């Protein structure tokens, strides 16, 4: 979150995807600046 200090919760956030829509999952992860888990 912009303007807010980083917390442990920020560091634990992960995105997982099944096989339904991998491009959508990757787009969401990219937007959140995360890797898919």
PDB file of N, CA and C in Angstrom:
ATOM      1  N   UNK A   1       0.842  -1.180   0.000  1.00  0.00           N
ATOM      2  CA  UNK A   1       0.000   0.000   0.000  1.00  0.00           C
ATOM      3  C   UNK A   1       0.885   1.241   0.000  1.00  0.00           C
ATOM      4  N   UNK A   2       0.566   2.142  -0.813  1.00  0.00           N
ATOM      5  CA  UNK A   2       1.368   3.345  -0.929  1.00  0.00           C
ATOM      6  C   UNK A   2       1.221   4.218   0.300  1.00  0.00           C
ATOM      7  N   UNK A   3       2.350   4.745   0.764  1.00  0.00           N
ATOM      8  CA  UNK A   3       2.321   5.665   1.883  1.00  0.00           C
ATOM      9  C   UNK A   3       2.200   5.000   3.234  1.00  0.00           C
ATOM     10  N   UNK A   4       2.155   3.682   3.263  1.00  0.00           N
ATOM     11  CA  UNK A   4       2.037   2.975   4.532  1.00  0.00           C
ATOM     12  C   UNK A   4       3.307   2.172   4.772  1.00  0.00           C
ATOM     13  N   UNK A   5       3.727   2.074   6.038  1.00  0.00           N
ATOM     14  CA  UNK A   5       4.925   1.286   6.318  1.00  0.00           C
ATOM     15  C   UNK A   5       4.694  -0.192   6.033  1.00  0.00           C
ATOM     16  N   UNK A   6       5.763  -0.878   5.673  1.00  0.00           N
ATOM     17  CA  UNK A   6       5.694  -2.310   5.406  1.00  0.00           C
ATOM     18  C   UNK A   6       5.511  -3.067   6.716  1.00  0.00           C
ATOM     19  N   UNK A   7       4.736  -4.120   6.673  1.00  0.00           N
ATOM     20  CA  UNK A   7       4.533  -4.962   7.847  1.00  0.00           C
ATOM     21  C   UNK A   7       4.823  -6.402   7.477  1.00  0.00           C
ATOM     22  N   UNK A   8       4.856  -7.277   8.480  1.00  0.00           N
ATOM     23  CA  UNK A   8       5.049  -8.696   8.206  1.00  0.00           C
ATOM     24  C   UNK A   8       3.939  -9.231   7.309  1.00  0.00           C
ATOM     25  N   UNK A   9       2.724  -8.713   7.464  1.00  0.00           N
ATOM     26  CA  UNK A   9       1.604  -9.179   6.638  1.00  0.00           C
ATOM     27  C   UNK A   9       1.873  -8.890   5.164  1.00  0.00           C
ATOM     28  N   UNK A  10       2.486  -7.750   4.863  1.00  0.00           N
ATOM     29  CA  UNK A  10       2.815  -7.434   3.472  1.00  0.00           C
ATOM     30  C   UNK A  10       3.799  -8.442   2.905  1.00  0.00           C
ATOM     31  N   UNK A  11       4.717  -8.893   3.721  1.00  0.00           N
ATOM     32  CA  UNK A  11       5.756  -9.810   3.273  1.00  0.00           C
ATOM     33  C   UNK A  11       5.254 -11.240   3.142  1.00  0.00           C
ATOM     34  N   UNK A  12       4.105 -11.561   3.694  1.00  0.00           N
ATOM     35  CA  UNK A  12       3.577 -12.922   3.644  1.00  0.00           C
ATOM     36  C   UNK A  12       2.524 -13.108   2.566  1.00  0.00           C
ATOM     37  N   UNK A  13       2.117 -12.049   1.912  1.00  0.00           N
ATOM     38  CA  UNK A  13       1.067 -12.148   0.904  1.00  0.00           C
ATOM     39  C   UNK A  13       1.575 -12.922  -0.298  1.00  0.00           C
ATOM     40  N   UNK A  14       0.816 -13.933  -0.700  1.00  0.00           N
ATOM     41  CA  UNK A  14       1.174 -14.731  -1.864  1.00  0.00           C
ATOM     42  C   UNK A  14      -0.071 -14.940  -2.704  1.00  0.00           C
ATOM     43  N   UNK A  15       0.119 -15.091  -4.006  1.00  0.00           N
ATOM     44  CA  UNK A  15      -0.981 -15.332  -4.933  1.00  0.00           C
ATOM     45  C   UNK A  15      -0.822 -16.732  -5.498  1.00  0.00           C
ATOM     46  N   UNK A  16      -1.880 -17.527  -5.402  1.00  0.00           N
ATOM     47  CA  UNK A  16      -1.889 -18.878  -5.953  1.00  0.00           C
ATOM     48  C   UNK A  16      -2.956 -18.955  -7.027  1.00  0.00           C
ATOM     49  N   UNK A  17      -2.707 -19.775  -8.020  1.00  0.00           N
ATOM     50  CA  UNK A  17      -3.652 -19.920  -9.119  1.00  0.00           C
ATOM     51  C   UNK A  17      -3.817 -21.384  -9.464  1.00  0.00           C
ATOM     52  N   UNK A  18      -5.014 -21.732  -9.813  1.00  0.00           N
ATOM     53  CA  UNK A  18      -5.251 -23.060 -10.357  1.00  0.00           C
ATOM     54  C   UNK A  18      -5.019 -23.014 -11.860  1.00  0.00           C
ATOM     55  N   UNK A  19      -5.668 -23.893 -12.579  1.00  0.00           N
ATOM     56  CA  UNK A  19      -5.490 -23.958 -14.028  1.00  0.00           C
ATOM     57  C   UNK A  19      -6.577 -23.230 -14.808  1.00  0.00           C
ATOM     58  N   UNK A  20      -7.522 -22.609 -14.125  1.00  0.00           N
ATOM     59  CA  UNK A  20      -8.663 -22.008 -14.809  1.00  0.00           C
ATOM     60  C   UNK A  20      -8.265 -20.851 -15.724  1.00  0.00           C
ATOM     61  N   UNK A  21      -7.418 -19.942 -15.231  1.00  0.00           N
ATOM     62  CA  UNK A  21      -7.058 -18.775 -16.037  1.00  0.00           C
ATOM     63  C   UNK A  21      -5.666 -18.271 -15.640  1.00  0.00           C
ATOM     64  N   UNK A  22      -4.620 -18.987 -16.019  1.00  0.00           N
ATOM     65  CA  UNK A  22      -3.261 -18.578 -15.645  1.00  0.00           C
ATOM     66  C   UNK A  22      -2.882 -17.162 -16.090  1.00  0.00           C
ATOM     67  N   UNK A  23      -3.289 -16.702 -17.287  1.00  0.00           N
ATOM     68  CA  UNK A  23      -2.930 -15.324 -17.659  1.00  0.00           C
ATOM     69  C   UNK A  23      -3.545 -14.278 -16.723  1.00  0.00           C
ATOM     70  N   UNK A  24      -4.767 -14.513 -16.274  1.00  0.00           N
ATOM     71  CA  UNK A  24      -5.400 -13.581 -15.339  1.00  0.00           C
ATOM     72  C   UNK A  24      -4.655 -13.585 -14.011  1.00  0.00           C
ATOM     73  N   UNK A  25      -4.323 -14.763 -13.513  1.00  0.00           N
ATOM     74  CA  UNK A  25      -3.581 -14.857 -12.258  1.00  0.00           C
ATOM     75  C   UNK A  25      -2.243 -14.135 -12.368  1.00  0.00           C
ATOM     76  N   UNK A  26      -1.554 -14.301 -13.486  1.00  0.00           N
ATOM     77  CA  UNK A  26      -0.266 -13.631 -13.668  1.00  0.00           C
ATOM     78  C   UNK A  26      -0.442 -12.126 -13.743  1.00  0.00           C
ATOM     79  N   UNK A  27      -1.492 -11.665 -14.404  1.00  0.00           N
ATOM     80  CA  UNK A  27      -1.752 -10.229 -14.497  1.00  0.00           C
ATOM     81  C   UNK A  27      -2.026  -9.633 -13.122  1.00  0.00           C
ATOM     82  N   UNK A  28      -2.779 -10.347 -12.299  1.00  0.00           N
ATOM     83  CA  UNK A  28      -3.065  -9.876 -10.939  1.00  0.00           C
ATOM     84  C   UNK A  28      -1.779  -9.826 -10.126  1.00  0.00           C
ATOM     85  N   UNK A  29      -0.986 -10.886 -10.199  1.00  0.00           N
ATOM     86  CA  UNK A  29       0.282 -10.919  -9.468  1.00  0.00           C
ATOM     87  C   UNK A  29       1.197  -9.784  -9.926  1.00  0.00           C
ATOM     88  N   UNK A  30       1.261  -9.549 -11.219  1.00  0.00           N
ATOM     89  CA  UNK A  30       2.081  -8.449 -11.737  1.00  0.00           C
ATOM     90  C   UNK A  30       1.599  -7.106 -11.205  1.00  0.00           C
ATOM     91  N   UNK A  31       0.294  -6.903 -11.188  1.00  0.00           N
ATOM     92  CA  UNK A  31      -0.273  -5.645 -10.700  1.00  0.00           C
ATOM     93  C   UNK A  31       0.071  -5.426  -9.232  1.00  0.00           C
ATOM     94  N   UNK A  32       0.069  -6.514  -8.460  1.00  0.00           N
ATOM     95  CA  UNK A  32       0.388  -6.439  -7.034  1.00  0.00           C
ATOM     96  C   UNK A  32       1.890  -6.498  -6.773  1.00  0.00           C
ATOM     97  N   UNK A  33       2.658  -6.649  -7.852  1.00  0.00           N
ATOM     98  CA  UNK A  33       4.117  -6.773  -7.760  1.00  0.00           C
ATOM     99  C   UNK A  33       4.515  -7.957  -6.885  1.00  0.00           C
ATOM    100  N   UNK A  34       3.857  -9.083  -7.133  1.00  0.00           N
ATOM    101  CA  UNK A  34       4.124 -10.326  -6.413  1.00  0.00           C
ATOM    102  C   UNK A  34       4.420 -11.429  -7.409  1.00  0.00           C
ATOM    103  N   UNK A  35       5.010 -12.500  -6.915  1.00  0.00           N
ATOM    104  CA  UNK A  35       5.186 -13.700  -7.718  1.00  0.00           C
ATOM    105  C   UNK A  35       4.036 -14.647  -7.435  1.00  0.00           C
ATOM    106  N   UNK A  36       3.684 -15.442  -8.418  1.00  0.00           N
ATOM    107  CA  UNK A  36       2.696 -16.482  -8.166  1.00  0.00           C
ATOM    108  C   UNK A  36       3.318 -17.522  -7.249  1.00  0.00           C
ATOM    109  N   UNK A  37       2.536 -18.022  -6.290  1.00  0.00           N
ATOM    110  CA  UNK A  37       3.054 -19.014  -5.340  1.00  0.00           C
ATOM    111  C   UNK A  37       2.809 -20.407  -5.792  1.00  0.00           C
TER     112      UNK A  37
END
